[in-house]
N, C-alpha and C. Protein backbone atom coordinates (compact mmCIF):
# COMPACT_ATOMS: atom_id res chain seq x y z
N MET A 1 0.91 -1.24 0.23
CA MET A 1 0.15 -0.10 0.45
C MET A 1 0.55 1.47 0.00
N GLU A 2 1.87 1.48 0.83
CA GLU A 2 2.76 2.72 0.66
C GLU A 2 3.52 2.75 -0.86
N ALA A 3 4.14 1.68 -1.28
CA ALA A 3 4.33 2.03 -2.05
C ALA A 3 3.83 2.05 -3.52
N ALA A 4 2.24 1.60 -3.57
CA ALA A 4 1.00 2.07 -4.35
C ALA A 4 0.81 3.80 -3.98
N ALA A 5 0.62 4.29 -2.85
CA ALA A 5 0.60 5.25 -2.45
C ALA A 5 1.99 6.06 -2.92
N TRP A 6 3.09 6.04 -3.58
CA TRP A 6 4.25 6.00 -3.57
C TRP A 6 4.19 6.22 -4.86
N PHE A 7 4.25 6.17 -5.51
CA PHE A 7 4.24 5.83 -7.20
C PHE A 7 3.04 6.13 -7.90
N ARG A 8 1.81 6.14 -7.26
CA ARG A 8 0.42 6.10 -8.52
C ARG A 8 -0.42 6.96 -7.50
N GLY A 9 -0.32 6.98 -6.49
CA GLY A 9 -1.61 8.05 -5.48
C GLY A 9 -1.76 7.61 -5.14
N SER A 10 -3.57 8.44 -4.96
CA SER A 10 -4.63 8.35 -3.57
C SER A 10 -4.82 7.32 -4.48
N ASN A 11 -5.30 6.89 -6.07
CA ASN A 11 -6.12 6.08 -6.78
C ASN A 11 -5.19 4.46 -6.07
N GLY A 12 -3.69 4.52 -7.01
CA GLY A 12 -3.20 3.15 -6.11
C GLY A 12 -2.96 2.87 -4.56
N LEU A 13 -2.85 3.92 -3.30
CA LEU A 13 -3.63 3.23 -2.42
C LEU A 13 -4.38 2.46 -2.08
N VAL A 14 -5.35 2.92 -2.60
CA VAL A 14 -7.34 2.73 -2.74
C VAL A 14 -7.12 0.70 -3.38
N VAL A 15 -6.88 0.90 -5.00
CA VAL A 15 -6.73 -0.03 -4.94
C VAL A 15 -5.48 -1.16 -4.44
N ALA A 16 -4.41 -0.47 -3.80
CA ALA A 16 -3.95 -1.91 -3.06
C ALA A 16 -4.87 -1.72 -2.03
N PHE A 17 -4.87 -1.67 -1.42
CA PHE A 17 -6.86 -1.75 -0.13
C PHE A 17 -7.59 -2.07 -0.71
N LEU A 18 -8.23 -2.37 -1.72
CA LEU A 18 -8.93 -3.45 -2.08
C LEU A 18 -8.41 -4.50 -2.35
N VAL A 19 -7.17 -4.79 -3.35
CA VAL A 19 -6.90 -6.27 -3.38
C VAL A 19 -6.29 -6.25 -2.18
N THR A 20 -5.49 -6.36 -1.06
CA THR A 20 -5.71 -6.49 -0.32
C THR A 20 -6.75 -7.76 1.00
N VAL A 21 -7.48 -6.45 0.72
CA VAL A 21 -9.04 -7.14 1.27
C VAL A 21 -9.36 -8.07 0.77
N CYS A 22 -9.59 -8.21 -0.53
CA CYS A 22 -10.05 -9.47 -1.49
C CYS A 22 -8.91 -10.77 -0.74
N GLY A 23 -7.39 -10.15 -1.28
CA GLY A 23 -6.69 -11.86 -0.48
C GLY A 23 -6.88 -11.94 0.38
N VAL A 24 -7.42 -11.60 1.38
CA VAL A 24 -7.43 -11.90 2.95
C VAL A 24 -9.30 -11.90 2.80
N LEU A 25 -10.42 -11.89 2.59
CA LEU A 25 -11.07 -12.70 2.15
C LEU A 25 -11.13 -14.02 1.45
N ILE A 26 -10.30 -13.77 0.36
CA ILE A 26 -10.13 -15.31 -0.53
C ILE A 26 -9.23 -15.98 0.47
N TRP A 27 -7.95 -15.40 0.99
CA TRP A 27 -6.77 -16.31 2.03
C TRP A 27 -7.85 -17.13 3.36
N ARG A 28 -8.76 -16.69 4.10
CA ARG A 28 -9.13 -16.98 4.66
C ARG A 28 -10.20 -17.82 4.71
N LEU A 29 -10.59 -17.83 3.35
CA LEU A 29 -11.64 -19.60 3.55
C LEU A 29 -11.25 -20.60 3.06
N ALA A 30 -9.74 -21.27 3.38
CA ALA A 30 -8.90 -21.78 3.53
C ALA A 30 -9.33 -23.37 4.27
N ASP A 31 -9.89 -21.96 5.67
CA ASP A 31 -9.70 -22.50 7.27
C ASP A 31 -11.20 -22.78 7.62
N GLY A 32 -12.35 -23.08 6.74
CA GLY A 32 -13.13 -23.27 7.14
C GLY A 32 -13.85 -21.87 7.50
N ALA A 33 -15.69 -22.10 7.06
CA ALA A 33 -16.31 -21.32 7.07
C ALA A 33 -16.74 -20.74 8.97
N GLN A 34 -16.01 -21.44 10.39
CA GLN A 34 -16.06 -21.60 11.35
C GLN A 34 -15.63 -19.84 11.57
N GLY A 35 -15.86 -18.91 12.14
CA GLY A 35 -15.70 -17.89 12.29
C GLY A 35 -15.00 -17.08 11.42
N TYR A 36 -15.26 -16.62 10.14
CA TYR A 36 -14.69 -16.68 9.06
C TYR A 36 -15.19 -15.24 9.00
N LEU A 37 -16.41 -14.31 9.28
CA LEU A 37 -16.48 -13.36 9.13
C LEU A 37 -16.14 -12.59 10.89
N ARG A 38 -15.96 -13.49 11.67
CA ARG A 38 -14.88 -12.09 13.09
C ARG A 38 -13.79 -11.78 12.34
N ASP A 39 -12.91 -13.35 11.79
CA ASP A 39 -10.98 -13.00 11.24
C ASP A 39 -11.41 -12.03 10.18
N SER A 40 -11.87 -11.98 9.67
CA SER A 40 -11.99 -10.86 7.96
C SER A 40 -12.11 -9.98 8.60
N ALA A 41 -12.91 -9.92 9.45
CA ALA A 41 -13.04 -8.36 10.05
C ALA A 41 -12.32 -8.06 10.39
N ALA A 42 -12.24 -8.53 11.47
CA ALA A 42 -10.02 -8.58 12.48
C ALA A 42 -9.28 -7.41 11.61
N SER A 43 -9.17 -8.87 10.28
CA SER A 43 -7.82 -8.72 9.13
C SER A 43 -7.96 -8.24 8.40
N VAL A 44 -8.94 -6.59 8.21
CA VAL A 44 -10.57 -5.56 7.25
C VAL A 44 -9.18 -4.55 8.58
N PHE A 45 -9.90 -4.83 9.49
CA PHE A 45 -9.32 -3.26 10.31
C PHE A 45 -8.05 -2.86 10.70
N VAL A 46 -7.32 -4.56 10.59
CA VAL A 46 -5.85 -3.61 10.61
C VAL A 46 -5.23 -3.48 9.94
N ALA A 47 -5.76 -4.25 8.26
CA ALA A 47 -5.23 -3.84 6.32
C ALA A 47 -5.21 -2.07 6.52
N ALA A 48 -6.85 -1.57 6.93
CA ALA A 48 -7.04 -0.09 6.72
C ALA A 48 -6.51 0.82 8.11
N TYR A 49 -6.30 -0.16 9.48
CA TYR A 49 -5.93 1.48 10.43
C TYR A 49 -4.20 1.18 10.23
N LEU A 50 -3.47 0.82 10.12
CA LEU A 50 -2.34 0.39 10.18
C LEU A 50 -1.07 0.71 8.56
N PRO A 51 -1.84 0.43 7.38
CA PRO A 51 -0.89 0.65 6.03
C PRO A 51 -1.93 1.34 5.47
N LEU A 52 -2.98 1.55 5.50
CA LEU A 52 -4.33 2.49 4.92
C LEU A 52 -4.18 3.45 5.26
N LEU A 53 -3.61 3.44 6.77
CA LEU A 53 -3.83 5.15 7.17
C LEU A 53 -2.56 6.15 7.25
N ALA A 54 -1.77 5.03 6.87
CA ALA A 54 -0.12 4.95 6.92
C ALA A 54 -0.07 5.81 5.72
N GLY A 55 -0.57 5.67 4.54
CA GLY A 55 -0.65 5.44 2.78
C GLY A 55 -0.70 6.68 2.68
N PHE A 56 -1.42 7.31 4.36
CA PHE A 56 -1.87 9.45 3.64
C PHE A 56 -0.80 9.77 4.47
N ALA A 57 0.40 9.50 5.26
CA ALA A 57 1.28 10.33 5.35
C ALA A 57 2.39 9.94 4.20
N VAL A 58 2.33 9.16 3.90
CA VAL A 58 3.32 8.50 2.62
C VAL A 58 3.18 9.54 1.03
N LEU A 59 1.13 10.00 0.87
CA LEU A 59 0.66 11.27 0.07
C LEU A 59 0.51 12.02 0.62
N LEU A 60 1.72 12.66 1.61
CA LEU A 60 1.87 14.22 2.34
C LEU A 60 3.01 14.08 1.86
N ALA A 61 3.35 13.07 1.98
CA ALA A 61 5.21 13.77 1.99
C ALA A 61 5.80 13.38 0.34
N HIS A 62 5.27 13.23 -0.78
CA HIS A 62 5.20 13.38 -2.27
C HIS A 62 5.64 14.00 -3.37
N PRO A 63 4.71 14.75 -2.48
CA PRO A 63 4.79 16.61 -3.68
C PRO A 63 6.24 17.02 -3.26
N ASP A 64 6.04 18.27 -4.28
CA ASP A 64 7.88 18.57 -4.26
C ASP A 64 7.57 19.46 -2.75
N ASP A 65 6.61 20.03 -1.96
CA ASP A 65 6.44 20.64 -0.88
C ASP A 65 5.93 19.80 0.41
N GLY A 66 6.29 18.28 -0.08
CA GLY A 66 6.26 17.01 1.45
C GLY A 66 6.29 17.72 2.19
N ALA A 67 8.16 17.64 2.76
CA ALA A 67 8.30 18.12 3.65
C ALA A 67 7.94 19.13 4.65
N ALA A 68 7.10 20.32 4.12
CA ALA A 68 6.16 21.00 4.42
C ALA A 68 4.92 20.49 4.73
N ARG A 69 4.43 20.17 4.75
CA ARG A 69 2.80 19.41 4.59
C ARG A 69 2.85 17.94 5.45
N VAL A 70 4.87 17.10 5.67
CA VAL A 70 4.24 16.49 6.70
C VAL A 70 4.09 17.64 8.57
N ILE A 71 5.55 18.64 8.26
CA ILE A 71 5.64 18.95 9.88
C ILE A 71 4.26 19.58 9.85
N VAL A 72 3.64 20.08 8.90
CA VAL A 72 2.39 20.82 9.81
C VAL A 72 1.17 19.89 10.54
N PHE A 73 1.45 18.55 9.35
CA PHE A 73 0.25 18.15 9.83
C PHE A 73 0.85 17.18 11.47
N VAL A 74 2.34 17.24 11.70
CA VAL A 74 2.74 16.34 13.16
C VAL A 74 2.85 17.12 13.88
N ALA A 75 2.77 18.64 13.77
CA ALA A 75 3.18 19.92 14.58
C ALA A 75 1.69 20.11 15.25
N THR A 76 0.90 20.05 14.20
CA THR A 76 -0.50 20.02 14.68
C THR A 76 -0.96 19.38 15.64
N VAL A 77 -0.89 17.72 15.22
CA VAL A 77 -1.09 16.63 16.43
C VAL A 77 -0.31 16.80 17.36
N VAL A 78 0.85 17.00 17.43
CA VAL A 78 1.76 17.26 18.56
C VAL A 78 1.30 18.35 19.71
N CYS A 79 0.91 19.43 18.65
CA CYS A 79 0.36 20.40 19.85
C CYS A 79 -0.41 20.48 20.37
N SER A 80 -1.12 19.87 19.38
CA SER A 80 -3.23 19.56 20.24
C SER A 80 -2.53 18.87 21.59
N ASP A 81 -1.97 17.27 21.50
CA ASP A 81 -1.50 16.46 22.92
C ASP A 81 -0.94 17.60 24.17
N THR A 82 -0.03 18.40 23.76
CA THR A 82 0.60 19.27 23.89
C THR A 82 -0.51 20.31 24.92
N GLY A 83 -1.49 21.20 23.80
CA GLY A 83 -2.24 21.62 24.94
C GLY A 83 -2.89 21.12 25.10
N GLY A 84 -3.83 19.17 24.86
CA GLY A 84 -4.92 19.05 26.23
C GLY A 84 -4.36 18.62 27.71
N TYR A 85 -2.66 18.20 27.09
CA TYR A 85 -1.72 17.94 28.46
C TYR A 85 -1.51 19.22 29.72
N ALA A 86 -1.21 20.63 28.76
CA ALA A 86 -1.05 21.46 29.74
C ALA A 86 -2.43 22.08 30.57
N SER A 87 -2.84 21.71 29.70
CA SER A 87 -4.89 22.95 30.13
C SER A 87 -6.00 21.80 31.29
N GLY A 88 -5.12 20.78 30.71
CA GLY A 88 -5.79 19.08 31.76
C GLY A 88 -4.27 19.36 33.94
N VAL A 89 -3.01 19.62 33.35
CA VAL A 89 -2.70 19.67 34.35
C VAL A 89 -3.34 20.82 35.25
N LEU A 90 -3.52 21.94 34.27
CA LEU A 90 -3.43 23.61 35.20
C LEU A 90 -5.11 22.83 35.78
N PHE A 91 -5.48 23.06 34.58
CA PHE A 91 -7.46 23.52 35.05
C PHE A 91 -7.67 22.40 34.84
N GLY A 92 -7.76 21.01 34.63
CA GLY A 92 -8.38 20.02 34.98
C GLY A 92 -9.25 19.39 35.79
N ARG A 93 -10.73 19.20 36.07
CA ARG A 93 -11.30 19.09 37.53
C ARG A 93 -12.56 18.37 36.33
N HIS A 94 -13.14 18.28 35.54
CA HIS A 94 -14.10 17.88 34.92
C HIS A 94 -13.41 16.72 34.37
N PRO A 95 -14.09 15.06 34.57
CA PRO A 95 -13.83 14.38 33.69
C PRO A 95 -14.19 13.69 32.55
N LEU A 96 -14.18 13.38 31.77
CA LEU A 96 -14.54 13.10 30.02
C LEU A 96 -14.71 12.23 30.16
N ALA A 97 -13.44 11.08 30.35
CA ALA A 97 -14.17 9.45 30.02
C ALA A 97 -13.73 8.80 30.35
N PRO A 98 -14.04 9.01 31.87
CA PRO A 98 -13.34 7.83 32.61
C PRO A 98 -12.74 6.66 32.57
N MET A 99 -13.66 5.36 31.82
CA MET A 99 -13.59 4.42 31.59
C MET A 99 -12.84 4.46 30.83
N VAL A 100 -12.12 4.97 29.74
CA VAL A 100 -10.84 4.90 28.87
C VAL A 100 -9.80 5.03 28.92
N SER A 101 -10.36 6.80 29.99
CA SER A 101 -8.28 7.60 30.19
C SER A 101 -8.91 8.23 31.53
N LYS A 102 -8.62 7.62 32.74
CA LYS A 102 -9.00 8.85 33.84
C LYS A 102 -8.59 10.37 33.35
N GLY A 103 -7.44 10.68 33.46
CA GLY A 103 -6.66 11.46 33.36
C GLY A 103 -7.20 12.92 32.38
N LYS A 104 -7.77 11.90 31.19
CA LYS A 104 -8.31 13.21 30.34
C LYS A 104 -9.56 13.66 30.88
N THR A 105 -9.87 15.18 30.91
CA THR A 105 -10.84 16.60 31.64
C THR A 105 -11.41 16.70 30.30
N TRP A 106 -12.69 17.29 30.80
CA TRP A 106 -12.97 18.30 29.71
C TRP A 106 -12.08 19.40 29.56
N GLU A 107 -12.14 20.37 30.21
CA GLU A 107 -10.52 21.56 30.50
C GLU A 107 -9.95 21.22 29.34
N GLY A 108 -9.26 19.66 29.53
CA GLY A 108 -7.69 18.90 28.66
C GLY A 108 -8.57 19.48 27.20
N LEU A 109 -9.80 18.58 27.01
CA LEU A 109 -10.02 18.66 25.71
C LEU A 109 -10.23 19.92 25.07
N ALA A 110 -10.79 21.10 25.49
CA ALA A 110 -10.83 22.66 25.34
C ALA A 110 -9.13 23.06 25.10
N GLY A 111 -8.20 23.13 26.15
CA GLY A 111 -6.94 23.03 25.55
C GLY A 111 -6.64 22.66 24.24
N SER A 112 -7.04 21.13 24.02
CA SER A 112 -6.44 21.00 22.94
C SER A 112 -6.81 21.27 21.63
N VAL A 113 -8.31 21.62 21.32
CA VAL A 113 -8.79 22.46 20.20
C VAL A 113 -8.11 23.11 19.95
N LEU A 114 -7.28 24.48 21.33
CA LEU A 114 -7.38 25.96 20.90
C LEU A 114 -6.24 25.76 20.56
N ALA A 115 -4.76 24.42 21.27
CA ALA A 115 -3.66 24.55 20.64
C ALA A 115 -3.70 24.12 18.85
N CYS A 116 -4.30 23.04 18.88
CA CYS A 116 -4.32 22.97 17.79
C CYS A 116 -4.96 23.71 16.81
N CYS A 117 -5.72 24.60 17.12
CA CYS A 117 -6.34 25.74 16.01
C CYS A 117 -5.47 26.72 16.04
N VAL A 118 -4.62 27.33 16.57
CA VAL A 118 -3.76 28.72 16.77
C VAL A 118 -3.04 27.69 15.59
N VAL A 119 -2.19 26.26 16.27
CA VAL A 119 -0.71 26.27 15.31
C VAL A 119 -1.24 25.29 14.52
N GLY A 120 -2.35 25.76 13.69
CA GLY A 120 -2.89 24.42 12.88
C GLY A 120 -3.32 25.82 11.67
N ALA A 121 -3.48 27.29 11.81
CA ALA A 121 -3.93 27.90 11.97
C ALA A 121 -2.10 29.14 10.36
N LEU A 122 -1.67 28.31 12.35
CA LEU A 122 -0.32 29.80 12.19
C LEU A 122 0.00 28.88 10.61
N PHE A 123 0.85 27.99 10.81
CA PHE A 123 1.27 27.08 9.56
C PHE A 123 0.73 26.85 8.42
N LEU A 124 0.09 26.69 8.72
CA LEU A 124 -1.05 27.28 6.93
C LEU A 124 -0.69 27.87 6.52
N SER A 125 -0.42 29.24 7.64
CA SER A 125 -0.84 30.59 6.93
C SER A 125 0.82 30.71 6.23
N LEU A 126 1.50 30.67 7.64
CA LEU A 126 3.22 30.99 6.91
C LEU A 126 3.39 30.19 6.13
N THR A 127 3.64 29.08 5.98
CA THR A 127 4.05 28.25 5.51
C THR A 127 2.81 27.88 3.22
N PHE A 128 1.78 28.27 3.77
CA PHE A 128 1.35 27.34 2.35
C PHE A 128 0.79 29.13 1.70
N HIS A 129 0.40 30.42 2.55
CA HIS A 129 0.21 31.35 2.31
C HIS A 129 -1.21 31.31 2.44
N GLU A 130 -2.02 30.39 3.30
CA GLU A 130 -3.82 30.16 2.70
C GLU A 130 -4.60 30.53 4.22
N GLN A 131 -5.56 31.37 4.21
CA GLN A 131 -5.91 32.01 5.04
C GLN A 131 -7.19 30.76 5.83
N VAL A 132 -6.61 29.46 6.02
CA VAL A 132 -7.07 28.46 6.97
C VAL A 132 -6.71 28.53 7.95
N VAL A 133 -7.79 27.94 8.65
CA VAL A 133 -7.64 26.44 9.76
C VAL A 133 -7.54 25.08 9.94
N GLU A 134 -7.34 24.34 9.88
CA GLU A 134 -6.41 23.04 8.88
C GLU A 134 -6.39 22.40 10.54
N GLY A 135 -6.75 23.47 11.53
CA GLY A 135 -6.84 22.41 12.43
C GLY A 135 -7.45 21.06 13.78
N PRO A 136 -9.34 22.10 14.02
CA PRO A 136 -9.99 21.24 14.30
C PRO A 136 -10.89 20.26 13.41
N GLY A 137 -10.12 20.57 12.06
CA GLY A 137 -10.25 18.73 11.18
C GLY A 137 -9.20 18.48 11.73
N VAL A 138 -7.93 18.15 11.84
CA VAL A 138 -7.07 16.76 12.31
C VAL A 138 -7.59 17.19 13.60
N ARG A 139 -7.88 17.84 14.49
CA ARG A 139 -8.42 17.22 16.27
C ARG A 139 -9.18 16.53 16.09
N ALA A 140 -9.78 16.05 15.10
CA ALA A 140 -11.41 15.87 14.82
C ALA A 140 -10.72 14.50 14.95
N GLY A 141 -9.80 14.63 13.96
CA GLY A 141 -9.75 12.71 13.68
C GLY A 141 -8.96 12.43 14.73
N ASP A 142 -8.15 12.83 15.57
CA ASP A 142 -7.50 12.35 16.88
C ASP A 142 -8.70 11.91 17.82
N ARG A 143 -9.61 13.35 17.92
CA ARG A 143 -10.55 12.91 18.30
C ARG A 143 -11.46 11.05 18.44
N GLY A 144 -11.92 11.72 17.09
CA GLY A 144 -12.49 10.69 16.82
C GLY A 144 -12.31 9.37 16.83
N HIS A 145 -10.88 9.03 17.02
CA HIS A 145 -10.08 7.74 16.63
C HIS A 145 -9.85 7.11 18.19
N GLY A 146 -10.03 7.99 18.87
CA GLY A 146 -9.68 7.60 20.40
C GLY A 146 -11.54 7.67 19.85
N ASP A 147 -12.02 7.27 20.32
CA ASP A 147 -13.59 6.89 20.67
C ASP A 147 -13.99 5.09 19.98
N SER A 148 -12.87 5.20 18.44
CA SER A 148 -13.05 4.33 18.05
C SER A 148 -12.30 2.77 18.73
N ARG A 149 -11.09 3.13 19.83
CA ARG A 149 -10.40 2.64 20.12
C ARG A 149 -11.10 0.73 21.14
N ARG A 150 -10.57 -0.10 19.96
CA ARG A 150 -12.08 -1.07 20.60
C ARG A 150 -11.85 -1.56 22.44
N PRO A 151 -12.69 -2.08 22.56
CA PRO A 151 -13.44 -2.02 24.20
C PRO A 151 -12.45 -2.81 24.67
N GLY A 152 -12.29 -2.14 25.67
CA GLY A 152 -11.62 -2.21 27.19
C GLY A 152 -10.16 -1.60 27.22
N ARG A 153 -9.29 -1.27 26.12
CA ARG A 153 -8.31 -1.04 25.86
C ARG A 153 -7.79 0.85 27.11
N VAL A 154 -7.21 0.66 27.78
CA VAL A 154 -7.03 1.45 27.99
C VAL A 154 -5.31 2.94 27.86
N ASP A 155 -5.94 4.08 27.53
CA ASP A 155 -4.85 5.22 26.44
C ASP A 155 -3.20 4.49 27.80
N ASP A 156 -2.79 4.27 26.47
CA ASP A 156 -1.18 3.81 26.48
C ASP A 156 -0.54 5.05 28.05
N GLN A 157 -1.56 6.41 28.17
CA GLN A 157 -0.41 7.17 29.25
C GLN A 157 -0.62 6.67 30.73
N ALA A 158 -1.46 5.43 30.63
CA ALA A 158 -2.15 4.82 31.90
C ALA A 158 -0.81 3.84 32.21
N ARG A 159 -0.55 3.77 31.66
CA ARG A 159 0.36 2.58 31.29
C ARG A 159 1.87 2.67 32.16
N PRO A 160 2.58 2.07 33.25
CA PRO A 160 3.33 2.20 33.88
C PRO A 160 5.22 1.92 33.20
N SER A 161 5.30 1.43 32.17
CA SER A 161 6.36 0.91 30.99
C SER A 161 5.69 2.06 30.24
N ALA A 162 5.09 2.51 29.55
CA ALA A 162 4.49 3.75 28.44
C ALA A 162 5.37 5.24 29.29
N SER A 163 4.35 4.88 30.50
CA SER A 163 5.04 6.09 31.16
C SER A 163 6.87 6.56 31.29
N ARG A 164 7.24 4.99 32.43
CA ARG A 164 8.67 5.78 31.92
C ARG A 164 9.40 5.91 30.65
N THR A 165 9.07 5.05 29.88
CA THR A 165 10.15 5.21 28.21
C THR A 165 9.63 6.71 27.32
N TRP A 166 8.49 6.74 26.90
CA TRP A 166 8.28 7.62 26.57
C TRP A 166 7.36 8.49 27.24
N ALA A 167 6.32 8.50 27.75
CA ALA A 167 6.01 9.92 28.47
C ALA A 167 7.19 10.69 29.92
N GLY A 168 8.11 9.27 29.75
CA GLY A 168 8.59 10.38 30.90
C GLY A 168 9.68 10.98 30.44
N PHE A 169 9.50 11.09 29.01
CA PHE A 169 10.77 12.01 28.45
C PHE A 169 10.48 13.13 28.04
N LEU A 170 8.88 13.15 27.47
CA LEU A 170 7.43 14.12 26.43
C LEU A 170 5.94 13.86 27.30
N PRO A 171 6.03 14.79 28.29
CA PRO A 171 5.00 14.66 29.29
C PRO A 171 3.40 14.45 28.96
N GLY A 172 2.75 13.43 28.71
CA GLY A 172 1.91 14.28 28.06
C GLY A 172 1.01 13.46 27.35
N HIS A 173 2.36 12.66 26.82
CA HIS A 173 2.28 12.09 25.21
C HIS A 173 1.82 10.82 24.86
N GLY A 174 1.95 10.29 26.41
CA GLY A 174 1.62 8.36 25.91
C GLY A 174 2.35 8.11 25.86
N GLY A 175 2.42 6.13 25.50
CA GLY A 175 2.92 5.16 25.39
C GLY A 175 3.34 6.01 23.46
N LEU A 176 4.71 4.59 23.06
CA LEU A 176 4.99 4.90 21.84
C LEU A 176 3.38 4.38 20.75
N MET A 177 2.60 3.80 21.44
CA MET A 177 1.46 3.38 20.43
C MET A 177 0.00 4.93 20.68
N ASP A 178 0.38 5.43 21.59
CA ASP A 178 -0.90 6.45 22.08
C ASP A 178 -0.01 7.89 20.75
N ARG A 179 1.05 7.53 21.05
CA ARG A 179 1.27 9.12 19.68
C ARG A 179 1.55 8.17 18.10
N LEU A 180 1.60 6.63 17.97
CA LEU A 180 0.79 6.47 16.65
C LEU A 180 -0.98 6.14 16.61
N ASP A 181 -1.45 6.66 17.68
CA ASP A 181 -3.01 7.28 17.45
C ASP A 181 -2.94 7.82 17.28
N SER A 182 -2.58 9.22 17.43
CA SER A 182 -2.47 11.20 17.37
C SER A 182 -2.49 10.65 15.76
N LEU A 183 -1.62 10.28 15.56
CA LEU A 183 -0.86 10.29 13.68
C LEU A 183 -1.40 9.77 13.02
N LEU A 184 -1.74 8.24 13.04
CA LEU A 184 -2.34 7.49 12.32
C LEU A 184 -3.69 8.42 11.28
N PRO A 185 -4.54 8.34 12.00
CA PRO A 185 -5.88 8.96 11.26
C PRO A 185 -5.71 10.68 11.11
N CYS A 186 -4.91 10.97 11.66
CA CYS A 186 -5.08 12.41 11.64
C CYS A 186 -4.39 12.40 10.74
N ALA A 187 -3.58 12.03 9.08
CA ALA A 187 -3.16 11.31 8.05
C ALA A 187 -3.98 11.36 6.95
N ALA A 188 -4.95 11.28 7.31
CA ALA A 188 -5.78 10.66 6.39
C ALA A 188 -6.26 12.27 6.33
N VAL A 189 -7.21 13.44 8.09
CA VAL A 189 -7.72 13.87 7.36
C VAL A 189 -6.41 15.14 7.24
N ALA A 190 -5.80 15.52 7.14
CA ALA A 190 -4.89 16.70 7.16
C ALA A 190 -3.82 15.52 5.53
N TYR A 191 -4.81 15.04 5.24
CA TYR A 191 -4.58 14.83 3.47
C TYR A 191 -5.44 15.53 2.79
N LEU A 192 -7.04 14.96 3.62
CA LEU A 192 -7.61 15.67 2.52
C LEU A 192 -8.17 17.02 2.72
N LEU A 193 -7.54 17.44 3.74
CA LEU A 193 -8.02 19.60 4.15
C LEU A 193 -6.05 19.85 3.39
N LEU A 194 -5.53 19.44 2.85
CA LEU A 194 -4.65 20.00 2.50
C LEU A 194 -4.21 19.48 0.86
N SER A 195 -4.75 18.79 0.76
CA SER A 195 -5.38 18.86 -0.69
C SER A 195 -6.28 19.76 -1.32
N TYR A 196 -7.32 19.62 -0.19
CA TYR A 196 -8.23 20.44 -0.80
C TYR A 196 -7.93 22.54 -0.78
N PHE A 197 -6.97 22.55 0.22
CA PHE A 197 -7.29 24.18 1.24
C PHE A 197 -5.41 24.68 0.27
N ALA A 198 -4.93 23.41 -0.44
CA ALA A 198 -3.36 24.00 -0.99
C ALA A 198 -3.10 22.68 -1.98
N PRO A 199 -3.70 22.98 -2.95
CA PRO A 199 -3.58 21.69 -4.00
C PRO A 199 -1.52 21.21 -4.27
N VAL A 200 -1.80 20.82 -5.02
CA VAL A 200 0.19 20.52 -5.44
C VAL A 200 -0.06 20.47 -7.17
């Protein structure tokens, strides 16, 4: 999928994903009908979650100004997490989703959205000279993905091992998987927004 995205663009990425899905569905037939729907759905989800979403990051990097597009995308997401952490620590009083992550608060969400909007607008204005705000869209991708995590999943930030290895170095950024959780879905949102507001 990543090679198809680089050499054939968005059409190549979509075709490669569809070929992967067909391959998975056919391959699974060899093991019989029992559990076929469950296994196929899980395999398609994995193919869509990691390589398909990562393919949008490849699409961002491919144009001549790809480095700038990737910087805007990553910086907006990182500042979203940083703003959420800072405002949550300073002002957080009301839990957002205690069943998923005890540390998330409504105040942190507000700070995250604000930081995301400001940084997204600044980067777009200074880099692409566009008077638009990418921030809210990217934040929507990050927040929407948080709700799609599998049942029972606990935020990496709550894991002691992750806190020691990653969050200890960058407070508020959780574990390595938590960083991917933010970047992967936002890559698709960033690609769509930049394709519309700052076409190549």
